[in-house]
Amino acid sequence: MKTSQPISHGHQSPPMLWRRRQLGLHAMILIVLFLSIAPIYILVSISLKNPLQYEYDRWAISFPLRFSNYRTELAVVGPYLVNTVFVAVVNCAGVIVLSLIGGHVFARMRFPFREPLYYAIIALLMVPWILSFIPSYMVYYSFGLLNTYWVLIIPAIAGGSVFGIFLTRSFISGIPEEIYEAARCDGAGTLTLLLRISLPLSTPILATLATLNVVGTWNSFLWPLVTINDESKQLIAVGLYHLSSGLGSSTNGGFSYDVWGPLFAGYVVASIPLVLVFIFVGRYYVEGLVSSGLKV
């Protein structure tokens, strides 16, 4: 006569363990999602409040919505936005041009000391930016470029092109050589290969590079804070800092209630261009990240 084996309650079946792990993973994703969305909700919600709504109903959406905060702050933040857009466009164009040319040269052309020169350029990525801060300041001071747009444009193009050459060289190296050989057989020269093959096929990685440079210019704070004294030439990050430090009227070291709504509206206005950039180039940005990751 067979005796039944006792059922052990100390071990769970594999399906049950899998479900619990999935539930734990989903819970973690929801927590991270909440932590990501909550600051944006607070930012937009407070930007639409007047002083009384902020004091008595701080965290919920209050009606009526005070869109007048945006009209007020747009006049203040507008000049900073114009400066930042101008510097970002010039920086982005310079970085893309130099990166495309450098990536094509190092990927498709043969010349002496090509590899040592390439790795010498890439080695600059290993040097922390803060170590060259004071020497760079002294260089631009000696050339009389402080308090001009050049002091914001030249370092961004020079520094961004190093990383850009690394990305574009890796991407262009993955393009089949047969395409270039066929073009050479048809009489294409170096410039034609660059403009007709490398440029169109490198659109995703160039969009990724452009987005990174625009975001970098938008977030630039320490360098423009030190090198630009004229408020009419200042960038958005420093402008918002000056705005937040100049609007406080509380005697307790904080801000008064009549400041937070317009101040947060200024933050929202400053972030709108970045949202628009990602909407228009987001697909190419993700495609460039994926393809560059696979090829690198």
Foldseek 3Di string as FASTA:
>chain_A
DDDDDDDDPPDDDPVVVVVVVVVVVVVVVVVVVCVVCQVVLLLVQLLQDALVCCVPPNRDRDPPGRCVLLVVLCVLLVLQLVLLVVLLVLQLVLLLVLLLVLLCCLQPPDDPCSVVVLVVLLVVVVDDPVVCQVVLVVVCVVVVNFQHSCLSRVVSNSVLNSVSNVLLNLLVNPDDCVVVVVVVVVPDDPVCCSPVPSVVVCQLQSLQSSLVSSVCSQCDDDSQVPRHDDPSNGHNNPSLVCLLVPQADDPVPHRRSRRRNSSSSNVVVSCVVSVVSCVVSVVSNVVSVVSSVVRD
